């Protein structure tokens, strides 16, 4: 499906793909992207969970199967494909050096 991407910074030679934690595209994760962009990087953070990140309300659940079931919904081949989509987009916009953090 459609891949939402948070993008920050101007296209240039250096770029970073940010992979967030299980809580998704939080304001804090976007702030990290903005700070990296302020240092001259083009930054992309794809929404790998398509808006269905792990809820803070479930964080303290003692039932591990809830987390396992949630995590099991994600195909890591698709995640790799999403990251490759970002990489290709960055290359097309002029990036020559691309890093990934998360």
C-alpha atoms as a PDB file:
ATOM      1  CA  UNK A   1       0.000   0.000   0.000  1.00  0.00           C
ATOM      2  CA  UNK A   2       0.796   3.638   0.201  1.00  0.00           C
ATOM      3  CA  UNK A   3       3.937   4.465   2.196  1.00  0.00           C
ATOM      4  CA  UNK A   4       3.679   7.647   4.283  1.00  0.00           C
ATOM      5  CA  UNK A   5       7.112   9.256   4.712  1.00  0.00           C
ATOM      6  CA  UNK A   6       8.137  12.102   7.003  1.00  0.00           C
ATOM      7  CA  UNK A   7      10.732  14.125   5.112  1.00  0.00           C
ATOM      8  CA  UNK A   8      12.938  16.904   6.426  1.00  0.00           C
ATOM      9  CA  UNK A   9      15.797  18.913   4.964  1.00  0.00           C
ATOM     10  CA  UNK A  10      16.745  19.903   1.467  1.00  0.00           C
ATOM     11  CA  UNK A  11      17.912  17.428  -1.164  1.00  0.00           C
ATOM     12  CA  UNK A  12      21.681  17.103  -1.159  1.00  0.00           C
ATOM     13  CA  UNK A  13      24.651  14.745  -1.195  1.00  0.00           C
ATOM     14  CA  UNK A  14      24.146  13.407   2.342  1.00  0.00           C
ATOM     15  CA  UNK A  15      20.985  11.704   3.545  1.00  0.00           C
ATOM     16  CA  UNK A  16      19.736   9.623   6.437  1.00  0.00           C
ATOM     17  CA  UNK A  17      16.874   7.153   6.665  1.00  0.00           C
ATOM     18  CA  UNK A  18      15.456   7.087  10.191  1.00  0.00           C
ATOM     19  CA  UNK A  19      13.844   3.888  11.457  1.00  0.00           C
ATOM     20  CA  UNK A  20      11.777   4.588  14.554  1.00  0.00           C
ATOM     21  CA  UNK A  21      10.988   2.295  17.468  1.00  0.00           C
ATOM     22  CA  UNK A  22       7.778   0.333  18.056  1.00  0.00           C
ATOM     23  CA  UNK A  23       5.893   3.497  19.027  1.00  0.00           C
ATOM     24  CA  UNK A  24       5.942   4.851  15.489  1.00  0.00           C
ATOM     25  CA  UNK A  25       6.151   8.363  14.099  1.00  0.00           C
ATOM     26  CA  UNK A  26       6.022  10.163  17.409  1.00  0.00           C
ATOM     27  CA  UNK A  27       6.697  13.886  17.814  1.00  0.00           C
ATOM     28  CA  UNK A  28      10.045  12.904  19.356  1.00  0.00           C
ATOM     29  CA  UNK A  29      11.007  10.834  16.297  1.00  0.00           C
ATOM     30  CA  UNK A  30      10.064  13.733  14.020  1.00  0.00           C
ATOM     31  CA  UNK A  31      12.142  16.053  16.201  1.00  0.00           C
ATOM     32  CA  UNK A  32      15.178  13.793  15.658  1.00  0.00           C
ATOM     33  CA  UNK A  33      14.603  14.055  11.899  1.00  0.00           C
ATOM     34  CA  UNK A  34      14.330  17.828  12.099  1.00  0.00           C
ATOM     35  CA  UNK A  35      17.548  18.087  14.119  1.00  0.00           C
ATOM     36  CA  UNK A  36      19.424  15.940  11.599  1.00  0.00           C
ATOM     37  CA  UNK A  37      18.030  18.083   8.777  1.00  0.00           C
ATOM     38  CA  UNK A  38      19.249  21.218  10.545  1.00  0.00           C
ATOM     39  CA  UNK A  39      22.762  19.765  10.257  1.00  0.00           C
ATOM     40  CA  UNK A  40      22.502  19.545   6.465  1.00  0.00           C
ATOM     41  CA  UNK A  41      21.080  16.069   5.910  1.00  0.00           C
ATOM     42  CA  UNK A  42      18.090  15.147   3.793  1.00  0.00           C
ATOM     43  CA  UNK A  43      16.088  12.890   6.119  1.00  0.00           C
ATOM     44  CA  UNK A  44      13.347  10.369   5.415  1.00  0.00           C
ATOM     45  CA  UNK A  45      11.419   8.436   8.026  1.00  0.00           C
ATOM     46  CA  UNK A  46       8.995   5.940   6.445  1.00  0.00           C
ATOM     47  CA  UNK A  47       5.906   4.914   8.403  1.00  0.00           C
ATOM     48  CA  UNK A  48       6.720   1.215   8.361  1.00  0.00           C
ATOM     49  CA  UNK A  49       3.659   0.395  10.489  1.00  0.00           C
ATOM     50  CA  UNK A  50       1.287   2.444   8.299  1.00  0.00           C
ATOM     51  CA  UNK A  51      -0.168   4.212  11.334  1.00  0.00           C
ATOM     52  CA  UNK A  52      -0.535   1.036  13.410  1.00  0.00           C
ATOM     53  CA  UNK A  53       2.367   1.456  15.836  1.00  0.00           C
ATOM     54  CA  UNK A  54       2.448  -0.231  19.247  1.00  0.00           C
ATOM     55  CA  UNK A  55       0.282   1.655  21.709  1.00  0.00           C
ATOM     56  CA  UNK A  56       1.738   3.100  24.884  1.00  0.00           C
ATOM     57  CA  UNK A  57      -1.435   1.836  26.586  1.00  0.00           C
ATOM     58  CA  UNK A  58      -0.327  -1.741  25.896  1.00  0.00           C
ATOM     59  CA  UNK A  59       3.291  -1.247  26.924  1.00  0.00           C
ATOM     60  CA  UNK A  60       2.848  -2.559  30.457  1.00  0.00           C
ATOM     61  CA  UNK A  61       0.720  -5.545  29.452  1.00  0.00           C
ATOM     62  CA  UNK A  62       1.954  -8.746  31.055  1.00  0.00           C
ATOM     63  CA  UNK A  63       0.431 -10.785  28.216  1.00  0.00           C
ATOM     64  CA  UNK A  64       3.363 -11.258  25.841  1.00  0.00           C
ATOM     65  CA  UNK A  65       1.105 -12.781  23.197  1.00  0.00           C
ATOM     66  CA  UNK A  66      -0.459  -9.358  22.560  1.00  0.00           C
ATOM     67  CA  UNK A  67       2.910  -7.983  21.512  1.00  0.00           C
ATOM     68  CA  UNK A  68       3.815 -11.132  19.575  1.00  0.00           C
ATOM     69  CA  UNK A  69       0.536 -10.968  17.643  1.00  0.00           C
ATOM     70  CA  UNK A  70       1.072  -7.277  16.867  1.00  0.00           C
ATOM     71  CA  UNK A  71       4.652  -7.821  15.709  1.00  0.00           C
ATOM     72  CA  UNK A  72       3.609 -10.836  13.663  1.00  0.00           C
ATOM     73  CA  UNK A  73       1.509  -8.585  11.427  1.00  0.00           C
ATOM     74  CA  UNK A  74       4.637  -7.079   9.878  1.00  0.00           C
ATOM     75  CA  UNK A  75       6.422  -8.686   6.979  1.00  0.00           C
ATOM     76  CA  UNK A  76      10.094  -7.791   7.237  1.00  0.00           C
ATOM     77  CA  UNK A  77      10.534  -8.369   3.497  1.00  0.00           C
ATOM     78  CA  UNK A  78       8.044  -5.503   3.059  1.00  0.00           C
ATOM     79  CA  UNK A  79       9.985  -3.403   5.581  1.00  0.00           C
ATOM     80  CA  UNK A  80      13.153  -3.915   3.538  1.00  0.00           C
ATOM     81  CA  UNK A  81      11.233  -2.956   0.403  1.00  0.00           C
ATOM     82  CA  UNK A  82       9.997   0.229   2.119  1.00  0.00           C
ATOM     83  CA  UNK A  83      13.556   1.140   3.106  1.00  0.00           C
ATOM     84  CA  UNK A  84      14.711   0.503  -0.448  1.00  0.00           C
ATOM     85  CA  UNK A  85      11.942   2.810  -1.700  1.00  0.00           C
ATOM     86  CA  UNK A  86      13.365   5.566   0.494  1.00  0.00           C
ATOM     87  CA  UNK A  87      16.917   4.865  -0.630  1.00  0.00           C
ATOM     88  CA  UNK A  88      15.927   5.007  -4.285  1.00  0.00           C
ATOM     89  CA  UNK A  89      14.082   8.276  -3.761  1.00  0.00           C
ATOM     90  CA  UNK A  90      17.093   9.798  -2.027  1.00  0.00           C
ATOM     91  CA  UNK A  91      19.452   8.684  -4.803  1.00  0.00           C
ATOM     92  CA  UNK A  92      17.109  10.148  -7.415  1.00  0.00           C
ATOM     93  CA  UNK A  93      17.151  13.463  -5.541  1.00  0.00           C
ATOM     94  CA  UNK A  94      20.960  13.603  -5.579  1.00  0.00           C
ATOM     95  CA  UNK A  95      22.063  11.777  -2.432  1.00  0.00           C
ATOM     96  CA  UNK A  96      25.474  10.157  -2.773  1.00  0.00           C
ATOM     97  CA  UNK A  97      25.982   9.063   0.833  1.00  0.00           C
ATOM     98  CA  UNK A  98      23.053   7.523   2.687  1.00  0.00           C
ATOM     99  CA  UNK A  99      23.065   6.296   6.265  1.00  0.00           C
ATOM    100  CA  UNK A 100      20.408   4.589   8.331  1.00  0.00           C
ATOM    101  CA  UNK A 101      19.794   5.060  12.046  1.00  0.00           C
ATOM    102  CA  UNK A 102      17.180   3.727  14.387  1.00  0.00           C
END
